[in-house]
Structures are given as structure tokens and as C-alpha cells.
Amino acid sequence: MNTHHGHTQAQVPNVHELARDDARCGYSQDTARAARMVRVIKACATVLFAEREESLELGAYLRSGLIEAIDELTHEVGCELDALSEAIIAGKKLW
């Protein structure tokens, strides 16, 4: 987040930078989406794991939102991997 004149603004994700990150990690286009989702799951889990009464206390809505995000993304990663597996088995290229 950027702060400007005392206001907090959310940064818009740079899609090109995300694609470059995927390329630097060596992921093919077929696996890049699943890799991004796994990184988001890791980020959500890190925030939940960092919660400590003395340093970081999440509100109930934020905590439940992060847990729901992890649940949804985990399901999506599973679906993505299933589709990739089926394509590999069928000998088809996805892109």
C-alpha cells in the first residue's frame, strides 16, 4: 500500500510483473496460474501464522476471510492440477 498525504491506497497488481515473476521461477504457462495461487495461499497462511496477541491481532472477519480464501484457492489449485494432469495424459497442449 502506498501512503500519500496521510491516505492509504491499495496498489493495483501489475500483471506484467506477475508474468515476469512466473518466468523467473521457470514455470511454464500451463503451471503459472497454479503457482500464483500457491503463493497466495502461502501469503494468507503466513499472515494467519504471524498472529500473536502481543504483536498482531486479526479481527474475526479478516481471519475468517483469510481462511475462506485459503480454502477456495486450495480447491482451485486442485482443479487446475487435475486439468493439467488430464491434458498431459491425453497428450494435449493447453496453450
PDB file of N, CA and C in Angstrom:
ATOM      1  N   MET A   1       0.828  -1.171   0.000  1.00  0.00           N
ATOM      2  CA  MET A   1       0.000   0.000   0.000  1.00  0.00           C
ATOM      3  C   MET A   1       0.878   1.242   0.000  1.00  0.00           C
ATOM      4  N   ASN A   2       0.438   2.215  -0.733  1.00  0.00           N
ATOM      5  CA  ASN A   2       1.138   3.483  -0.762  1.00  0.00           C
ATOM      6  C   ASN A   2       0.417   4.471   0.123  1.00  0.00           C
ATOM      7  N   THR A   3       1.187   5.327   0.771  1.00  0.00           N
ATOM      8  CA  THR A   3       0.557   6.398   1.530  1.00  0.00           C
ATOM      9  C   THR A   3       0.885   7.701   0.841  1.00  0.00           C
ATOM     10  N   HIS A   4      -0.119   8.543   0.684  1.00  0.00           N
ATOM     11  CA  HIS A   4       0.049   9.823   0.021  1.00  0.00           C
ATOM     12  C   HIS A   4      -0.807  10.829   0.763  1.00  0.00           C
ATOM     13  N   HIS A   5      -0.177  11.816   1.339  1.00  0.00           N
ATOM     14  CA  HIS A   5      -0.886  12.837   2.104  1.00  0.00           C
ATOM     15  C   HIS A   5      -1.735  12.223   3.217  1.00  0.00           C
ATOM     16  N   GLY A   6      -1.216  11.208   3.884  1.00  0.00           N
ATOM     17  CA  GLY A   6      -1.917  10.620   5.005  1.00  0.00           C
ATOM     18  C   GLY A   6      -2.997   9.624   4.634  1.00  0.00           C
ATOM     19  N   HIS A   7      -3.205   9.394   3.335  1.00  0.00           N
ATOM     20  CA  HIS A   7      -4.224   8.432   2.894  1.00  0.00           C
ATOM     21  C   HIS A   7      -3.536   7.155   2.435  1.00  0.00           C
ATOM     22  N   THR A   8      -4.179   6.040   2.699  1.00  0.00           N
ATOM     23  CA  THR A   8      -3.646   4.751   2.278  1.00  0.00           C
ATOM     24  C   THR A   8      -4.357   4.320   1.006  1.00  0.00           C
ATOM     25  N   GLN A   9      -3.557   3.943  -0.007  1.00  0.00           N
ATOM     26  CA  GLN A   9      -4.117   3.482  -1.267  1.00  0.00           C
ATOM     27  C   GLN A   9      -3.637   2.072  -1.550  1.00  0.00           C
ATOM     28  N   ALA A  10      -4.538   1.208  -1.972  1.00  0.00           N
ATOM     29  CA  ALA A  10      -4.159  -0.140  -2.360  1.00  0.00           C
ATOM     30  C   ALA A  10      -3.499  -0.075  -3.729  1.00  0.00           C
ATOM     31  N   GLN A  11      -2.439  -0.852  -3.908  1.00  0.00           N
ATOM     32  CA  GLN A  11      -1.764  -0.885  -5.190  1.00  0.00           C
ATOM     33  C   GLN A  11      -2.470  -1.865  -6.114  1.00  0.00           C
ATOM     34  N   VAL A  12      -2.597  -1.485  -7.372  1.00  0.00           N
ATOM     35  CA  VAL A  12      -3.171  -2.363  -8.379  1.00  0.00           C
ATOM     36  C   VAL A  12      -2.084  -3.357  -8.789  1.00  0.00           C
ATOM     37  N   PRO A  13      -2.411  -4.659  -8.811  1.00  0.00           N
ATOM     38  CA  PRO A  13      -1.394  -5.639  -9.199  1.00  0.00           C
ATOM     39  C   PRO A  13      -0.897  -5.377 -10.624  1.00  0.00           C
ATOM     40  N   ASN A  14       0.388  -5.478 -10.824  1.00  0.00           N
ATOM     41  CA  ASN A  14       0.989  -5.309 -12.139  1.00  0.00           C
ATOM     42  C   ASN A  14       1.050  -6.684 -12.795  1.00  0.00           C
ATOM     43  N   VAL A  15       0.171  -6.915 -13.748  1.00  0.00           N
ATOM     44  CA  VAL A  15       0.056  -8.228 -14.389  1.00  0.00           C
ATOM     45  C   VAL A  15       1.345  -8.587 -15.117  1.00  0.00           C
ATOM     46  N   HIS A  16       1.977  -7.625 -15.733  1.00  0.00           N
ATOM     47  CA  HIS A  16       3.225  -7.898 -16.446  1.00  0.00           C
ATOM     48  C   HIS A  16       4.329  -8.327 -15.487  1.00  0.00           C
ATOM     49  N   GLU A  17       4.376  -7.685 -14.323  1.00  0.00           N
ATOM     50  CA  GLU A  17       5.372  -8.065 -13.328  1.00  0.00           C
ATOM     51  C   GLU A  17       5.100  -9.476 -12.801  1.00  0.00           C
ATOM     52  N   LEU A  18       3.828  -9.817 -12.605  1.00  0.00           N
ATOM     53  CA  LEU A  18       3.483 -11.174 -12.173  1.00  0.00           C
ATOM     54  C   LEU A  18       3.933 -12.203 -13.205  1.00  0.00           C
ATOM     55  N   ALA A  19       3.721 -11.895 -14.490  1.00  0.00           N
ATOM     56  CA  ALA A  19       4.150 -12.806 -15.556  1.00  0.00           C
ATOM     57  C   ALA A  19       5.667 -12.945 -15.568  1.00  0.00           C
ATOM     58  N   ARG A  20       6.388 -11.823 -15.357  1.00  0.00           N
ATOM     59  CA  ARG A  20       7.852 -11.890 -15.284  1.00  0.00           C
ATOM     60  C   ARG A  20       8.304 -12.721 -14.083  1.00  0.00           C
ATOM     61  N   ASP A  21       7.599 -12.585 -12.950  1.00  0.00           N
ATOM     62  CA  ASP A  21       7.926 -13.395 -11.773  1.00  0.00           C
ATOM     63  C   ASP A  21       7.772 -14.872 -12.083  1.00  0.00           C
ATOM     64  N   ASP A  22       6.685 -15.216 -12.768  1.00  0.00           N
ATOM     65  CA  ASP A  22       6.469 -16.615 -13.144  1.00  0.00           C
ATOM     66  C   ASP A  22       7.579 -17.106 -14.060  1.00  0.00           C
ATOM     67  N   ALA A  23       7.962 -16.256 -15.025  1.00  0.00           N
ATOM     68  CA  ALA A  23       9.024 -16.642 -15.961  1.00  0.00           C
ATOM     69  C   ALA A  23      10.352 -16.831 -15.221  1.00  0.00           C
ATOM     70  N   ARG A  24      10.645 -15.957 -14.264  1.00  0.00           N
ATOM     71  CA  ARG A  24      11.890 -16.075 -13.487  1.00  0.00           C
ATOM     72  C   ARG A  24      11.906 -17.345 -12.652  1.00  0.00           C
ATOM     73  N   CYS A  25      10.719 -17.796 -12.242  1.00  0.00           N
ATOM     74  CA  CYS A  25      10.639 -19.038 -11.455  1.00  0.00           C
ATOM     75  C   CYS A  25      10.764 -20.272 -12.330  1.00  0.00           C
ATOM     76  N   GLY A  26      10.720 -20.083 -13.644  1.00  0.00           N
ATOM     77  CA  GLY A  26      10.862 -21.201 -14.557  1.00  0.00           C
ATOM     78  C   GLY A  26       9.582 -21.981 -14.798  1.00  0.00           C
ATOM     79  N   TYR A  27       8.428 -21.403 -14.474  1.00  0.00           N
ATOM     80  CA  TYR A  27       7.172 -22.101 -14.683  1.00  0.00           C
ATOM     81  C   TYR A  27       6.711 -21.949 -16.128  1.00  0.00           C
ATOM     82  N   SER A  28       6.142 -23.011 -16.660  1.00  0.00           N
ATOM     83  CA  SER A  28       5.538 -22.919 -17.988  1.00  0.00           C
ATOM     84  C   SER A  28       4.228 -22.157 -17.861  1.00  0.00           C
ATOM     85  N   GLN A  29       3.703 -21.711 -18.978  1.00  0.00           N
ATOM     86  CA  GLN A  29       2.414 -21.012 -18.949  1.00  0.00           C
ATOM     87  C   GLN A  29       1.336 -21.912 -18.370  1.00  0.00           C
ATOM     88  N   ASP A  30       1.451 -23.208 -18.587  1.00  0.00           N
ATOM     89  CA  ASP A  30       0.447 -24.145 -18.104  1.00  0.00           C
ATOM     90  C   ASP A  30       0.418 -24.250 -16.582  1.00  0.00           C
ATOM     91  N   THR A  31       1.537 -24.048 -15.938  1.00  0.00           N
ATOM     92  CA  THR A  31       1.600 -24.192 -14.484  1.00  0.00           C
ATOM     93  C   THR A  31       1.670 -22.862 -13.734  1.00  0.00           C
ATOM     94  N   ALA A  32       1.808 -21.763 -14.453  1.00  0.00           N
ATOM     95  CA  ALA A  32       1.985 -20.457 -13.812  1.00  0.00           C
ATOM     96  C   ALA A  32       0.788 -20.076 -12.944  1.00  0.00           C
ATOM     97  N   ARG A  33      -0.436 -20.339 -13.408  1.00  0.00           N
ATOM     98  CA  ARG A  33      -1.628 -19.969 -12.635  1.00  0.00           C
ATOM     99  C   ARG A  33      -1.663 -20.727 -11.309  1.00  0.00           C
ATOM    100  N   ALA A  34      -1.403 -22.021 -11.355  1.00  0.00           N
ATOM    101  CA  ALA A  34      -1.385 -22.809 -10.122  1.00  0.00           C
ATOM    102  C   ALA A  34      -0.277 -22.318  -9.193  1.00  0.00           C
ATOM    103  N   ALA A  35       0.875 -21.962  -9.752  1.00  0.00           N
ATOM    104  CA  ALA A  35       1.984 -21.468  -8.932  1.00  0.00           C
ATOM    105  C   ALA A  35       1.610 -20.152  -8.247  1.00  0.00           C
ATOM    106  N   ARG A  36       0.917 -19.257  -8.961  1.00  0.00           N
ATOM    107  CA  ARG A  36       0.481 -17.989  -8.355  1.00  0.00           C
ATOM    108  C   ARG A  36      -0.499 -18.251  -7.215  1.00  0.00           C
ATOM    109  N   MET A  37      -1.438 -19.175  -7.428  1.00  0.00           N
ATOM    110  CA  MET A  37      -2.409 -19.474  -6.381  1.00  0.00           C
ATOM    111  C   MET A  37      -1.725 -20.051  -5.147  1.00  0.00           C
ATOM    112  N   VAL A  38      -0.728 -20.893  -5.347  1.00  0.00           N
ATOM    113  CA  VAL A  38       0.001 -21.466  -4.216  1.00  0.00           C
ATOM    114  C   VAL A  38       0.731 -20.367  -3.453  1.00  0.00           C
ATOM    115  N   ARG A  39       1.301 -19.381  -4.166  1.00  0.00           N
ATOM    116  CA  ARG A  39       1.970 -18.268  -3.484  1.00  0.00           C
ATOM    117  C   ARG A  39       0.979 -17.439  -2.663  1.00  0.00           C
ATOM    118  N   VAL A  40      -0.236 -17.257  -3.176  1.00  0.00           N
ATOM    119  CA  VAL A  40      -1.252 -16.511  -2.427  1.00  0.00           C
ATOM    120  C   VAL A  40      -1.663 -17.304  -1.182  1.00  0.00           C
ATOM    121  N   ILE A  41      -1.830 -18.605  -1.321  1.00  0.00           N
ATOM    122  CA  ILE A  41      -2.149 -19.451  -0.168  1.00  0.00           C
ATOM    123  C   ILE A  41      -1.061 -19.310   0.886  1.00  0.00           C
ATOM    124  N   LYS A  42       0.188 -19.342   0.454  1.00  0.00           N
ATOM    125  CA  LYS A  42       1.313 -19.206   1.385  1.00  0.00           C
ATOM    126  C   LYS A  42       1.269 -17.849   2.080  1.00  0.00           C
ATOM    127  N   ALA A  43       0.950 -16.793   1.350  1.00  0.00           N
ATOM    128  CA  ALA A  43       0.882 -15.457   1.945  1.00  0.00           C
ATOM    129  C   ALA A  43      -0.228 -15.380   2.988  1.00  0.00           C
ATOM    130  N   CYS A  44      -1.399 -15.925   2.674  1.00  0.00           N
ATOM    131  CA  CYS A  44      -2.519 -15.929   3.629  1.00  0.00           C
ATOM    132  C   CYS A  44      -2.153 -16.718   4.881  1.00  0.00           C
ATOM    133  N   ALA A  45      -1.556 -17.877   4.686  1.00  0.00           N
ATOM    134  CA  ALA A  45      -1.175 -18.720   5.822  1.00  0.00           C
ATOM    135  C   ALA A  45      -0.121 -18.026   6.678  1.00  0.00           C
ATOM    136  N   THR A  46       0.789 -17.295   6.045  1.00  0.00           N
ATOM    137  CA  THR A  46       1.827 -16.579   6.786  1.00  0.00           C
ATOM    138  C   THR A  46       1.210 -15.522   7.686  1.00  0.00           C
ATOM    139  N   VAL A  47       0.221 -14.786   7.176  1.00  0.00           N
ATOM    140  CA  VAL A  47      -0.451 -13.774   7.992  1.00  0.00           C
ATOM    141  C   VAL A  47      -1.156 -14.434   9.165  1.00  0.00           C
ATOM    142  N   LEU A  48      -1.861 -15.535   8.906  1.00  0.00           N
ATOM    143  CA  LEU A  48      -2.547 -16.237   9.996  1.00  0.00           C
ATOM    144  C   LEU A  48      -1.554 -16.769  11.023  1.00  0.00           C
ATOM    145  N   PHE A  49      -0.437 -17.294  10.546  1.00  0.00           N
ATOM    146  CA  PHE A  49       0.572 -17.861  11.446  1.00  0.00           C
ATOM    147  C   PHE A  49       1.252 -16.776  12.281  1.00  0.00           C
ATOM    148  N   ALA A  50       1.362 -15.569  11.711  1.00  0.00           N
ATOM    149  CA  ALA A  50       2.042 -14.476  12.406  1.00  0.00           C
ATOM    150  C   ALA A  50       1.188 -13.855  13.507  1.00  0.00           C
ATOM    151  N   GLU A  51      -0.079 -14.207  13.551  1.00  0.00           N
ATOM    152  CA  GLU A  51      -0.960 -13.589  14.548  1.00  0.00           C
ATOM    153  C   GLU A  51      -0.499 -13.958  15.958  1.00  0.00           C
ATOM    154  N   ARG A  52      -0.230 -12.934  16.732  1.00  0.00           N
ATOM    155  CA  ARG A  52       0.165 -13.083  18.129  1.00  0.00           C
ATOM    156  C   ARG A  52      -0.534 -11.994  18.916  1.00  0.00           C
ATOM    157  N   GLU A  53      -0.994 -12.322  20.065  1.00  0.00           N
ATOM    158  CA  GLU A  53      -1.709 -11.351  20.899  1.00  0.00           C
ATOM    159  C   GLU A  53      -0.882 -10.097  21.157  1.00  0.00           C
ATOM    160  N   GLU A  54       0.429 -10.274  21.322  1.00  0.00           N
ATOM    161  CA  GLU A  54       1.276  -9.132  21.663  1.00  0.00           C
ATOM    162  C   GLU A  54       1.719  -8.306  20.453  1.00  0.00           C
ATOM    163  N   SER A  55       1.593  -8.840  19.223  1.00  0.00           N
ATOM    164  CA  SER A  55       2.109  -8.090  18.085  1.00  0.00           C
ATOM    165  C   SER A  55       1.115  -7.898  16.947  1.00  0.00           C
ATOM    166  N   LEU A  56       0.321  -8.885  16.650  1.00  0.00           N
ATOM    167  CA  LEU A  56      -0.621  -8.800  15.537  1.00  0.00           C
ATOM    168  C   LEU A  56      -1.885  -9.538  15.913  1.00  0.00           C
ATOM    169  N   GLU A  57      -2.972  -8.808  15.969  1.00  0.00           N
ATOM    170  CA  GLU A  57      -4.254  -9.420  16.300  1.00  0.00           C
ATOM    171  C   GLU A  57      -5.219  -9.140  15.157  1.00  0.00           C
ATOM    172  N   LEU A  58      -5.657 -10.193  14.504  1.00  0.00           N
ATOM    173  CA  LEU A  58      -6.574 -10.064  13.380  1.00  0.00           C
ATOM    174  C   LEU A  58      -8.013 -10.027  13.889  1.00  0.00           C
ATOM    175  N   GLY A  59      -8.837  -9.268  13.223  1.00  0.00           N
ATOM    176  CA  GLY A  59     -10.250  -9.270  13.543  1.00  0.00           C
ATOM    177  C   GLY A  59     -10.900 -10.549  13.038  1.00  0.00           C
ATOM    178  N   ALA A  60     -12.066 -10.862  13.563  1.00  0.00           N
ATOM    179  CA  ALA A  60     -12.766 -12.098  13.193  1.00  0.00           C
ATOM    180  C   ALA A  60     -13.074 -12.157  11.696  1.00  0.00           C
ATOM    181  N   TYR A  61     -13.482 -11.027  11.119  1.00  0.00           N
ATOM    182  CA  TYR A  61     -13.803 -11.018   9.687  1.00  0.00           C
ATOM    183  C   TYR A  61     -12.566 -11.240   8.827  1.00  0.00           C
ATOM    184  N   LEU A  62     -11.459 -10.610   9.203  1.00  0.00           N
ATOM    185  CA  LEU A  62     -10.226 -10.786   8.445  1.00  0.00           C
ATOM    186  C   LEU A  62      -9.725 -12.220   8.564  1.00  0.00           C
ATOM    187  N   ARG A  63      -9.726 -12.753   9.772  1.00  0.00           N
ATOM    188  CA  ARG A  63      -9.277 -14.131   9.986  1.00  0.00           C
ATOM    189  C   ARG A  63     -10.130 -15.109   9.180  1.00  0.00           C
ATOM    190  N   SER A  64     -11.460 -14.980   9.277  1.00  0.00           N
ATOM    191  CA  SER A  64     -12.322 -15.911   8.548  1.00  0.00           C
ATOM    192  C   SER A  64     -12.184 -15.707   7.036  1.00  0.00           C
ATOM    193  N   GLY A  65     -11.956 -14.465   6.593  1.00  0.00           N
ATOM    194  CA  GLY A  65     -11.750 -14.205   5.171  1.00  0.00           C
ATOM    195  C   GLY A  65     -10.490 -14.866   4.646  1.00  0.00           C
ATOM    196  N   LEU A  66      -9.421 -14.805   5.419  1.00  0.00           N
ATOM    197  CA  LEU A  66      -8.180 -15.461   5.009  1.00  0.00           C
ATOM    198  C   LEU A  66      -8.346 -16.978   4.950  1.00  0.00           C
ATOM    199  N   ILE A  67      -9.054 -17.519   5.930  1.00  0.00           N
ATOM    200  CA  ILE A  67      -9.288 -18.977   5.950  1.00  0.00           C
ATOM    201  C   ILE A  67     -10.143 -19.383   4.748  1.00  0.00           C
ATOM    202  N   GLU A  68     -11.175 -18.606   4.446  1.00  0.00           N
ATOM    203  CA  GLU A  68     -12.013 -18.903   3.274  1.00  0.00           C
ATOM    204  C   GLU A  68     -11.219 -18.778   1.980  1.00  0.00           C
ATOM    205  N   ALA A  69     -10.336 -17.785   1.910  1.00  0.00           N
ATOM    206  CA  ALA A  69      -9.500 -17.623   0.714  1.00  0.00           C
ATOM    207  C   ALA A  69      -8.596 -18.838   0.524  1.00  0.00           C
ATOM    208  N   ILE A  70      -7.989 -19.297   1.610  1.00  0.00           N
ATOM    209  CA  ILE A  70      -7.136 -20.485   1.535  1.00  0.00           C
ATOM    210  C   ILE A  70      -7.946 -21.684   1.064  1.00  0.00           C
ATOM    211  N   ASP A  71      -9.139 -21.859   1.627  1.00  0.00           N
ATOM    212  CA  ASP A  71      -9.996 -22.978   1.248  1.00  0.00           C
ATOM    213  C   ASP A  71     -10.356 -22.915  -0.246  1.00  0.00           C
ATOM    214  N   GLU A  72     -10.769 -21.748  -0.707  1.00  0.00           N
ATOM    215  CA  GLU A  72     -11.170 -21.594  -2.103  1.00  0.00           C
ATOM    216  C   GLU A  72      -9.994 -21.789  -3.049  1.00  0.00           C
ATOM    217  N   LEU A  73      -8.860 -21.179  -2.714  1.00  0.00           N
ATOM    218  CA  LEU A  73      -7.682 -21.315  -3.573  1.00  0.00           C
ATOM    219  C   LEU A  73      -7.152 -22.745  -3.590  1.00  0.00           C
ATOM    220  N   THR A  74      -7.219 -23.423  -2.466  1.00  0.00           N
ATOM    221  CA  THR A  74      -6.790 -24.823  -2.425  1.00  0.00           C
ATOM    222  C   THR A  74      -7.633 -25.669  -3.369  1.00  0.00           C
ATOM    223  N   HIS A  75      -8.937 -25.423  -3.352  1.00  0.00           N
ATOM    224  CA  HIS A  75      -9.835 -26.128  -4.268  1.00  0.00           C
ATOM    225  C   HIS A  75      -9.474 -25.810  -5.722  1.00  0.00           C
ATOM    226  N   GLU A  76      -9.244 -24.524  -6.013  1.00  0.00           N
ATOM    227  CA  GLU A  76      -8.913 -24.110  -7.380  1.00  0.00           C
ATOM    228  C   GLU A  76      -7.583 -24.708  -7.850  1.00  0.00           C
ATOM    229  N   VAL A  77      -6.596 -24.752  -6.973  1.00  0.00           N
ATOM    230  CA  VAL A  77      -5.312 -25.355  -7.335  1.00  0.00           C
ATOM    231  C   VAL A  77      -5.515 -26.831  -7.658  1.00  0.00           C
ATOM    232  N   GLY A  78      -6.319 -27.516  -6.857  1.00  0.00           N
ATOM    233  CA  GLY A  78      -6.609 -28.920  -7.123  1.00  0.00           C
ATOM    234  C   GLY A  78      -7.262 -29.114  -8.480  1.00  0.00           C
ATOM    235  N   CYS A  79      -8.227 -28.262  -8.802  1.00  0.00           N
ATOM    236  CA  CYS A  79      -8.894 -28.332 -10.115  1.00  0.00           C
ATOM    237  C   CYS A  79      -7.908 -28.056 -11.245  1.00  0.00           C
ATOM    238  N   GLU A  80      -7.053 -27.055 -11.036  1.00  0.00           N
ATOM    239  CA  GLU A  80      -6.048 -26.700 -12.047  1.00  0.00           C
ATOM    240  C   GLU A  80      -5.085 -27.861 -12.280  1.00  0.00           C
ATOM    241  N   LEU A  81      -4.640 -28.491 -11.202  1.00  0.00           N
ATOM    242  CA  LEU A  81      -3.719 -29.624 -11.336  1.00  0.00           C
ATOM    243  C   LEU A  81      -4.405 -30.823 -11.982  1.00  0.00           C
ATOM    244  N   ASP A  82      -5.680 -31.051 -11.654  1.00  0.00           N
ATOM    245  CA  ASP A  82      -6.425 -32.127 -12.301  1.00  0.00           C
ATOM    246  C   ASP A  82      -6.519 -31.900 -13.810  1.00  0.00           C
ATOM    247  N   ALA A  83      -6.812 -30.646 -14.205  1.00  0.00           N
ATOM    248  CA  ALA A  83      -6.914 -30.315 -15.629  1.00  0.00           C
ATOM    249  C   ALA A  83      -5.565 -30.483 -16.326  1.00  0.00           C
ATOM    250  N   LEU A  84      -4.498 -30.061 -15.661  1.00  0.00           N
ATOM    251  CA  LEU A  84      -3.163 -30.237 -16.237  1.00  0.00           C
ATOM    252  C   LEU A  84      -2.826 -31.710 -16.391  1.00  0.00           C
ATOM    253  N   SER A  85      -3.157 -32.498 -15.381  1.00  0.00           N
ATOM    254  CA  SER A  85      -2.895 -33.937 -15.435  1.00  0.00           C
ATOM    255  C   SER A  85      -3.661 -34.592 -16.582  1.00  0.00           C
ATOM    256  N   GLU A  86      -4.928 -34.232 -16.713  1.00  0.00           N
ATOM    257  CA  GLU A  86      -5.731 -34.793 -17.808  1.00  0.00           C
ATOM    258  C   GLU A  86      -5.155 -34.408 -19.165  1.00  0.00           C
ATOM    259  N   ALA A  87      -4.705 -33.171 -19.305  1.00  0.00           N
ATOM    260  CA  ALA A  87      -4.127 -32.722 -20.570  1.00  0.00           C
ATOM    261  C   ALA A  87      -2.823 -33.458 -20.868  1.00  0.00           C
ATOM    262  N   ILE A  88      -2.019 -33.665 -19.845  1.00  0.00           N
ATOM    263  CA  ILE A  88      -0.760 -34.383 -20.040  1.00  0.00           C
ATOM    264  C   ILE A  88      -1.037 -35.823 -20.443  1.00  0.00           C
ATOM    265  N   ILE A  89      -1.975 -36.449 -19.750  1.00  0.00           N
ATOM    266  CA  ILE A  89      -2.314 -37.835 -20.051  1.00  0.00           C
ATOM    267  C   ILE A  89      -2.876 -37.958 -21.465  1.00  0.00           C
ATOM    268  N   ALA A  90      -3.674 -36.988 -21.852  1.00  0.00           N
ATOM    269  CA  ALA A  90      -4.272 -37.003 -23.195  1.00  0.00           C
ATOM    270  C   ALA A  90      -3.261 -36.570 -24.271  1.00  0.00           C
ATOM    271  N   GLY A  91      -2.107 -36.071 -23.832  1.00  0.00           N
ATOM    272  CA  GLY A  91      -1.093 -35.649 -24.794  1.00  0.00           C
ATOM    273  C   GLY A  91      -1.422 -34.347 -25.478  1.00  0.00           C
ATOM    274  N   LYS A  92      -2.263 -33.533 -24.830  1.00  0.00           N
ATOM    275  CA  LYS A  92      -2.673 -32.269 -25.423  1.00  0.00           C
ATOM    276  C   LYS A  92      -1.911 -31.129 -24.771  1.00  0.00           C
ATOM    277  N   LYS A  93      -1.692 -30.093 -25.553  1.00  0.00           N
ATOM    278  CA  LYS A  93      -1.067 -28.884 -25.034  1.00  0.00           C
ATOM    279  C   LYS A  93      -2.184 -27.902 -24.724  1.00  0.00           C
ATOM    280  N   LEU A  94      -2.131 -27.255 -23.523  1.00  0.00           N
ATOM    281  CA  LEU A  94      -3.202 -26.350 -23.110  1.00  0.00           C
ATOM    282  C   LEU A  94      -3.130 -24.988 -23.782  1.00  0.00           C
ATOM    283  N   TRP A  95      -1.954 -24.547 -24.182  1.00  0.00           N
ATOM    284  CA  TRP A  95      -1.829 -23.190 -24.731  1.00  0.00           C
ATOM    285  C   TRP A  95      -1.515 -23.230 -26.192  1.00  0.00           C
TER     286      TRP A  95
END
